[in-house]
Amino acid sequence: MALAYDYDVIRRSLGYGLVEDTIVPRQHKSEFDPEFKPAIPKDVRDMDRLLTAWVFIRPLVHLLGFGLCVNSGSVFLAWMMAPVLGGLVFQRSFTNAHNLVHGTYPLPKRFKRLLRELLMGFYGLMFGYASHLFKETHHVHHHPSNRCGVNDDPESVCHRPAIQVIAFGPYFTARIFAYGFVHAKSRFDRVVGVLELLGVLTLAGLAAWTLSRYHHGVEVGPVAKALSFYAVEAAVLLWLFPFNAAWLPHQNCYDTVLGQARNSPGQYAAPFAQLVVFLLVGGTRWHLLHHAYQYIPSCNLGKLADVPEVDSWMAGQFGDEVRYHRHHH
């Protein structure tokens, strides 16, 4: 079955309208950016079927591992390994929803739109988010004219103190959902977004009820126990989400879209430090590259960093301090 990228979504995420004469030809996907950055190899632009299947399956694999650890009876597995696996479920689910918003995952042509909408909602529920409300705010966030702290970008929090973003995490998340509801481009996105939000609240209520029964000594099945414990971790991570996913990977808040974004130094750190950084910021550790090349799947951003032409272009734009080759560090 042939796979296809959602070019309309890609173009919209780059801030273009959908008028054909404002868009470069569809086949030149690597030149969608108005500054015509260097073309990149096909293996960096695209994903094969095996990798595509794996990125969709791995949050479920991590969730299975989380459930096994929680129900293992081992203190080490339940209190050390389960939180790590739960963090991976959260981050992988967000990464998938985020890539689907950008239209960077190839999907079967025949069912592309349906699959994209279903998967976006499913992975949003897995990390407690209303993806269809987030979609509109994220397109605004990536618009070439956006200036954090100046424009109406509900995702931009880098101009606020970090402690404020951490303390009031749910407020910033609610602001994203409210903006997405008011400014949704279609009734479909608005209705589905509200249903997703109701689904998240329903699941949270079920988790709280299950944990209450468990706390009072009522026997709870292993699946319900695992999902309820994961819901607690997801709630904590969701509280920190505006800090982890928006504040940390942005700086220079009144600058251009590219001027705001920054990469985490964690990709050059020791393996354990890389894991900590990943659990904190996930795919945003290559955030400057993501803003420059939004049509590249996040799983390929590390490969993109090693393309010499991209390395030279980024150095020319931002100086030697942001060169990407690992041998520079």
Protein backbone atom coordinates (compact mmCIF):
# COMPACT_ATOMS: atom_id res chain seq x y z
CA MET A 1 0.00 0.00 0.00
CA ALA A 2 1.44 3.35 -1.00
CA LEU A 3 2.31 5.83 1.71
CA ALA A 4 1.79 9.57 1.48
CA TYR A 5 2.63 12.69 3.44
CA ASP A 6 -0.10 15.16 4.31
CA TYR A 7 1.19 18.10 2.29
CA ASP A 8 -1.71 20.41 3.13
CA VAL A 9 -0.90 19.97 6.81
CA ILE A 10 2.80 20.46 6.17
CA ARG A 11 2.18 23.67 4.27
CA ARG A 12 -0.22 24.97 6.90
CA SER A 13 2.27 24.19 9.67
CA LEU A 14 4.81 26.30 7.80
CA GLY A 15 2.47 29.24 7.94
CA TYR A 16 1.36 29.22 4.31
CA GLY A 17 -2.23 29.56 3.21
CA LEU A 18 -3.81 26.94 1.01
CA VAL A 19 -3.91 29.08 -2.14
CA GLU A 20 -1.99 27.08 -4.71
CA ASP A 21 -0.12 29.99 -6.26
CA THR A 22 1.47 30.81 -2.90
CA ILE A 23 2.99 27.34 -2.59
CA VAL A 24 6.03 25.92 -4.28
CA PRO A 25 5.30 22.70 -6.23
CA ARG A 26 4.26 19.80 -4.05
CA GLN A 27 6.96 17.49 -5.29
CA HIS A 28 9.65 19.82 -3.94
CA LYS A 29 8.92 19.05 -0.34
CA SER A 30 12.47 19.96 0.74
CA GLU A 31 11.96 23.51 -0.55
CA PHE A 32 8.74 24.40 1.26
CA ASP A 33 10.58 26.85 3.47
CA PRO A 34 10.51 30.43 2.16
CA GLU A 35 14.28 30.78 2.67
CA PHE A 36 14.98 27.70 0.49
CA LYS A 37 17.31 25.98 2.90
CA PRO A 38 19.59 23.21 1.61
CA ALA A 39 17.90 20.17 0.13
CA ILE A 40 18.39 17.09 2.25
CA PRO A 41 18.78 13.39 1.47
CA LYS A 42 15.66 11.31 0.92
CA ASP A 43 16.47 8.96 3.81
CA VAL A 44 16.41 11.97 6.15
CA ARG A 45 13.19 13.41 4.70
CA ASP A 46 11.23 10.16 4.69
CA MET A 47 10.48 7.17 6.88
CA ASP A 48 10.27 3.57 5.73
CA ARG A 49 7.30 1.38 6.63
CA LEU A 50 9.11 -0.51 9.37
CA LEU A 51 10.15 2.67 11.17
CA THR A 52 6.67 4.14 10.73
CA ALA A 53 5.10 1.04 12.28
CA TRP A 54 7.60 1.09 15.14
CA VAL A 55 7.01 4.72 16.13
CA PHE A 56 3.29 3.99 16.37
CA ILE A 57 3.75 0.77 18.34
CA ARG A 58 6.47 1.76 20.80
CA PRO A 59 4.29 3.81 23.22
CA LEU A 60 2.14 0.69 23.64
CA VAL A 61 5.26 -1.43 24.19
CA HIS A 62 6.44 1.00 26.87
CA LEU A 63 2.98 0.96 28.44
CA LEU A 64 3.05 -2.84 28.55
CA GLY A 65 6.45 -2.71 30.24
CA PHE A 66 5.12 -0.13 32.70
CA GLY A 67 2.21 -2.43 33.59
CA LEU A 68 4.49 -5.44 34.08
CA CYS A 69 6.76 -3.44 36.39
CA VAL A 70 3.90 -2.03 38.45
CA ASN A 71 2.42 -5.49 38.97
CA SER A 72 5.75 -7.32 39.41
CA GLY A 73 5.91 -7.10 43.21
CA SER A 74 9.49 -5.86 42.92
CA VAL A 75 10.29 -2.57 44.66
CA PHE A 76 13.03 -1.80 42.12
CA LEU A 77 10.86 -2.44 39.10
CA ALA A 78 7.79 -0.69 40.53
CA TRP A 79 9.54 2.42 41.86
CA MET A 80 12.57 2.76 39.57
CA MET A 81 11.82 1.23 36.19
CA ALA A 82 8.09 1.92 35.99
CA PRO A 83 8.48 5.74 36.24
CA VAL A 84 11.06 5.68 33.44
CA LEU A 85 8.80 3.59 31.22
CA GLY A 86 5.84 5.79 32.09
CA GLY A 87 7.84 8.84 31.06
CA LEU A 88 8.63 7.14 27.75
CA VAL A 89 4.94 6.42 27.18
CA PHE A 90 4.16 10.09 27.76
CA GLN A 91 6.95 11.44 25.57
CA ARG A 92 6.48 8.95 22.73
CA SER A 93 2.74 9.62 22.68
CA PHE A 94 3.29 13.38 22.56
CA THR A 95 5.92 12.95 19.84
CA ASN A 96 3.47 10.97 17.70
CA ALA A 97 0.62 13.45 18.19
CA HIS A 98 3.01 16.32 17.43
CA ASN A 99 4.29 14.71 14.22
CA LEU A 100 0.73 13.98 13.12
CA VAL A 101 -0.18 17.63 13.67
CA HIS A 102 2.69 18.57 11.36
CA GLY A 103 1.76 15.85 8.87
CA THR A 104 5.28 14.40 8.83
CA TYR A 105 4.38 10.73 9.22
CA PRO A 106 3.62 8.87 5.97
CA LEU A 107 0.26 7.13 6.04
CA PRO A 108 -1.56 4.91 3.52
CA LYS A 109 -2.97 7.19 0.80
CA ARG A 110 -6.42 5.64 0.80
CA PHE A 111 -7.05 6.23 4.50
CA LYS A 112 -4.62 9.09 5.13
CA ARG A 113 -7.06 11.67 6.51
CA LEU A 114 -9.04 9.20 8.61
CA LEU A 115 -5.94 7.57 10.08
CA ARG A 116 -4.34 10.90 10.84
CA GLU A 117 -7.38 12.13 12.76
CA LEU A 118 -7.84 8.85 14.66
CA LEU A 119 -4.18 8.48 15.56
CA MET A 120 -3.86 12.10 16.58
CA GLY A 121 -6.77 11.66 18.99
CA PHE A 122 -5.55 8.30 20.28
CA TYR A 123 -2.02 9.44 21.12
CA GLY A 124 -3.39 12.66 22.58
CA LEU A 125 -5.48 10.61 25.00
CA MET A 126 -2.40 8.56 25.87
CA PHE A 127 -0.68 11.60 27.32
CA GLY A 128 -3.80 13.45 28.47
CA TYR A 129 -4.14 16.05 25.71
CA ALA A 130 -6.77 17.30 23.28
CA SER A 131 -4.74 17.08 20.07
CA HIS A 132 -7.34 18.73 17.85
CA LEU A 133 -7.39 21.82 20.08
CA PHE A 134 -3.60 21.83 20.24
CA LYS A 135 -3.38 21.67 16.43
CA GLU A 136 -4.47 25.26 15.78
CA THR A 137 -2.28 26.76 18.49
CA HIS A 138 0.72 24.87 17.14
CA HIS A 139 0.21 26.20 13.63
CA VAL A 140 0.17 29.71 15.10
CA HIS A 141 3.30 28.91 17.10
CA HIS A 142 5.20 27.94 13.95
CA HIS A 143 3.93 30.78 11.77
CA PRO A 144 6.88 32.72 10.25
CA SER A 145 5.48 36.03 11.54
CA ASN A 146 5.19 34.86 15.14
CA ARG A 147 7.08 36.64 17.91
CA CYS A 148 6.85 35.11 21.38
CA GLY A 149 5.73 37.72 23.87
CA VAL A 150 4.38 39.98 21.10
CA ASN A 151 1.96 37.97 18.98
CA ASP A 152 -1.05 36.02 20.16
CA ASP A 153 0.77 32.71 20.57
CA PRO A 154 -0.72 30.77 23.50
CA GLU A 155 2.14 28.26 23.45
CA SER A 156 4.82 30.88 24.07
CA VAL A 157 5.83 31.03 27.71
CA CYS A 158 9.57 31.66 27.40
CA HIS A 159 9.09 35.36 28.28
CA ARG A 160 7.76 34.33 31.71
CA PRO A 161 9.82 33.23 34.76
CA ALA A 162 10.44 29.49 34.84
CA ILE A 163 8.99 29.16 38.35
CA GLN A 164 5.74 30.73 37.15
CA VAL A 165 5.47 28.32 34.23
CA ILE A 166 6.10 25.36 36.54
CA ALA A 167 3.68 26.54 39.24
CA PHE A 168 0.84 27.37 36.86
CA GLY A 169 1.28 24.56 34.32
CA PRO A 170 -2.43 23.66 34.12
CA TYR A 171 -3.32 27.30 33.42
CA PHE A 172 -1.07 27.43 30.35
CA THR A 173 -2.47 24.10 29.12
CA ALA A 174 -6.04 25.36 29.58
CA ARG A 175 -5.11 28.50 27.65
CA ILE A 176 -3.97 26.38 24.71
CA PHE A 177 -7.23 24.44 24.69
CA ALA A 178 -9.30 27.61 24.94
CA TYR A 179 -7.43 29.22 22.07
CA GLY A 180 -7.76 26.07 19.96
CA PHE A 181 -11.50 25.96 20.60
CA VAL A 182 -12.08 29.61 19.69
CA HIS A 183 -9.79 29.70 16.66
CA ALA A 184 -10.30 26.18 15.27
CA LYS A 185 -10.38 26.27 11.47
CA SER A 186 -13.30 23.83 11.27
CA ARG A 187 -16.26 22.67 13.32
CA PHE A 188 -14.82 19.15 13.07
CA ASP A 189 -11.64 20.14 14.94
CA ARG A 190 -13.64 22.03 17.54
CA VAL A 191 -16.08 19.19 18.20
CA VAL A 192 -13.45 16.45 18.18
CA GLY A 193 -11.20 18.55 20.42
CA VAL A 194 -13.98 18.94 22.98
CA LEU A 195 -14.70 15.20 22.83
CA GLU A 196 -11.00 14.49 23.39
CA LEU A 197 -10.96 16.81 26.38
CA LEU A 198 -14.06 15.11 27.82
CA GLY A 199 -12.36 11.76 27.21
CA VAL A 200 -9.27 12.88 29.14
CA LEU A 201 -11.40 14.08 32.06
CA THR A 202 -13.41 10.84 32.04
CA LEU A 203 -10.26 8.71 32.09
CA ALA A 204 -8.86 10.86 34.90
CA GLY A 205 -12.04 10.34 36.90
CA LEU A 206 -11.92 6.58 36.37
CA ALA A 207 -8.28 6.51 37.43
CA ALA A 208 -9.05 8.50 40.60
CA TRP A 209 -11.94 6.15 41.43
CA THR A 210 -9.78 3.07 40.86
CA LEU A 211 -6.96 4.44 43.02
CA SER A 212 -9.43 5.29 45.77
CA ARG A 213 -10.69 1.69 45.80
CA TYR A 214 -7.12 0.39 45.77
CA HIS A 215 -6.22 2.68 48.69
CA HIS A 216 -9.16 1.32 50.70
CA GLY A 217 -8.06 -2.26 50.20
CA VAL A 218 -10.40 -3.24 47.39
CA GLU A 219 -8.79 -5.68 44.98
CA VAL A 220 -8.08 -4.03 41.64
CA GLY A 221 -7.19 -5.89 38.45
CA PRO A 222 -3.63 -5.58 37.09
CA VAL A 223 -4.70 -3.65 33.97
CA ALA A 224 -6.78 -1.13 35.95
CA LYS A 225 -3.98 -0.78 38.49
CA ALA A 226 -1.33 -0.15 35.82
CA LEU A 227 -3.44 2.37 33.89
CA SER A 228 -4.38 4.23 37.08
CA PHE A 229 -0.76 4.46 38.22
CA TYR A 230 0.24 5.67 34.76
CA ALA A 231 -2.52 8.30 34.95
CA VAL A 232 -0.90 9.69 38.11
CA GLU A 233 2.48 9.98 36.41
CA ALA A 234 0.92 11.46 33.28
CA ALA A 235 -0.86 14.07 35.42
CA VAL A 236 2.45 15.12 36.97
CA LEU A 237 4.19 15.27 33.60
CA LEU A 238 1.25 17.16 32.11
CA TRP A 239 1.53 19.76 34.88
CA LEU A 240 5.21 20.22 33.93
CA PHE A 241 4.50 20.01 30.21
CA PRO A 242 4.43 23.78 29.45
CA PHE A 243 7.83 24.09 31.13
CA ASN A 244 9.34 21.00 29.51
CA ALA A 245 7.95 21.36 26.00
CA ALA A 246 7.64 25.15 25.63
CA TRP A 247 9.84 27.02 28.10
CA LEU A 248 13.00 24.88 27.98
CA PRO A 249 13.39 24.67 24.16
CA HIS A 250 12.83 28.42 23.58
CA GLN A 251 14.76 31.57 24.36
CA ASN A 252 15.13 35.12 22.97
CA CYS A 253 11.39 35.38 23.33
CA TYR A 254 10.91 38.57 21.28
CA ASP A 255 12.96 37.26 18.35
CA THR A 256 11.81 35.51 15.16
CA VAL A 257 10.46 31.97 15.22
CA LEU A 258 13.91 30.57 14.46
CA GLY A 259 15.53 33.01 16.84
CA GLN A 260 13.35 31.76 19.68
CA ALA A 261 14.12 28.07 19.34
CA ARG A 262 17.15 26.40 20.84
CA ASN A 263 18.55 22.91 21.11
CA SER A 264 19.15 21.15 24.36
CA PRO A 265 22.84 20.37 25.02
CA GLY A 266 21.73 16.96 26.25
CA GLN A 267 22.30 15.31 22.88
CA TYR A 268 26.05 15.64 23.47
CA ALA A 269 25.94 14.49 27.11
CA ALA A 270 26.58 11.09 28.68
CA PRO A 271 23.93 8.40 28.04
CA PHE A 272 22.29 8.79 31.47
CA ALA A 273 22.14 12.57 31.09
CA GLN A 274 20.64 12.09 27.62
CA LEU A 275 17.91 9.92 29.14
CA VAL A 276 17.13 12.58 31.75
CA VAL A 277 17.00 15.29 29.06
CA PHE A 278 14.79 13.09 26.88
CA LEU A 279 12.35 12.43 29.71
CA LEU A 280 12.21 16.18 30.32
CA VAL A 281 11.93 17.55 26.80
CA GLY A 282 11.50 14.57 24.47
CA GLY A 283 11.85 15.40 20.78
CA THR A 284 12.37 19.09 21.54
CA ARG A 285 16.07 18.53 22.12
CA TRP A 286 16.55 19.31 18.42
CA HIS A 287 14.09 22.19 18.59
CA LEU A 288 15.98 24.72 16.49
CA LEU A 289 16.24 22.17 13.70
CA HIS A 290 12.56 21.36 14.10
CA HIS A 291 11.61 25.01 13.61
CA ALA A 292 13.91 25.28 10.59
CA TYR A 293 12.79 21.98 8.99
CA GLN A 294 9.28 21.34 10.23
CA TYR A 295 8.48 18.72 7.60
CA ILE A 296 11.18 16.35 8.93
CA PRO A 297 9.89 13.64 11.30
CA SER A 298 11.33 14.17 14.77
CA CYS A 299 12.93 10.72 14.72
CA ASN A 300 15.10 11.92 11.78
CA LEU A 301 16.27 15.22 13.28
CA GLY A 302 19.44 13.62 14.65
CA LYS A 303 20.29 12.40 11.13
CA LEU A 304 19.46 15.84 9.76
CA ALA A 305 21.98 17.36 12.17
CA ASP A 306 24.73 15.32 10.48
CA VAL A 307 24.04 16.56 6.93
CA PRO A 308 27.05 18.80 6.11
CA GLU A 309 25.03 21.27 4.03
CA VAL A 310 22.54 21.72 6.86
CA ASP A 311 25.39 22.14 9.34
CA SER A 312 26.95 24.87 7.19
CA TRP A 313 23.63 26.62 6.56
CA MET A 314 22.74 26.68 10.25
CA ALA A 315 26.20 27.96 11.16
CA GLY A 316 25.81 30.73 8.61
CA GLN A 317 22.43 31.68 10.05
CA PHE A 318 23.18 31.43 13.76
CA GLY A 319 26.95 31.29 14.19
CA ASP A 320 29.43 28.57 15.07
CA GLU A 321 27.94 28.06 18.53
CA VAL A 322 24.99 26.21 17.00
CA ARG A 323 26.90 23.99 14.58
CA TYR A 324 25.48 20.50 14.74
CA HIS A 325 28.14 17.95 13.90
CA ARG A 326 28.99 15.93 16.94
CA HIS A 327 32.71 16.19 16.24
CA HIS A 328 32.43 19.93 16.98
CA HIS A 329 31.57 19.14 20.61
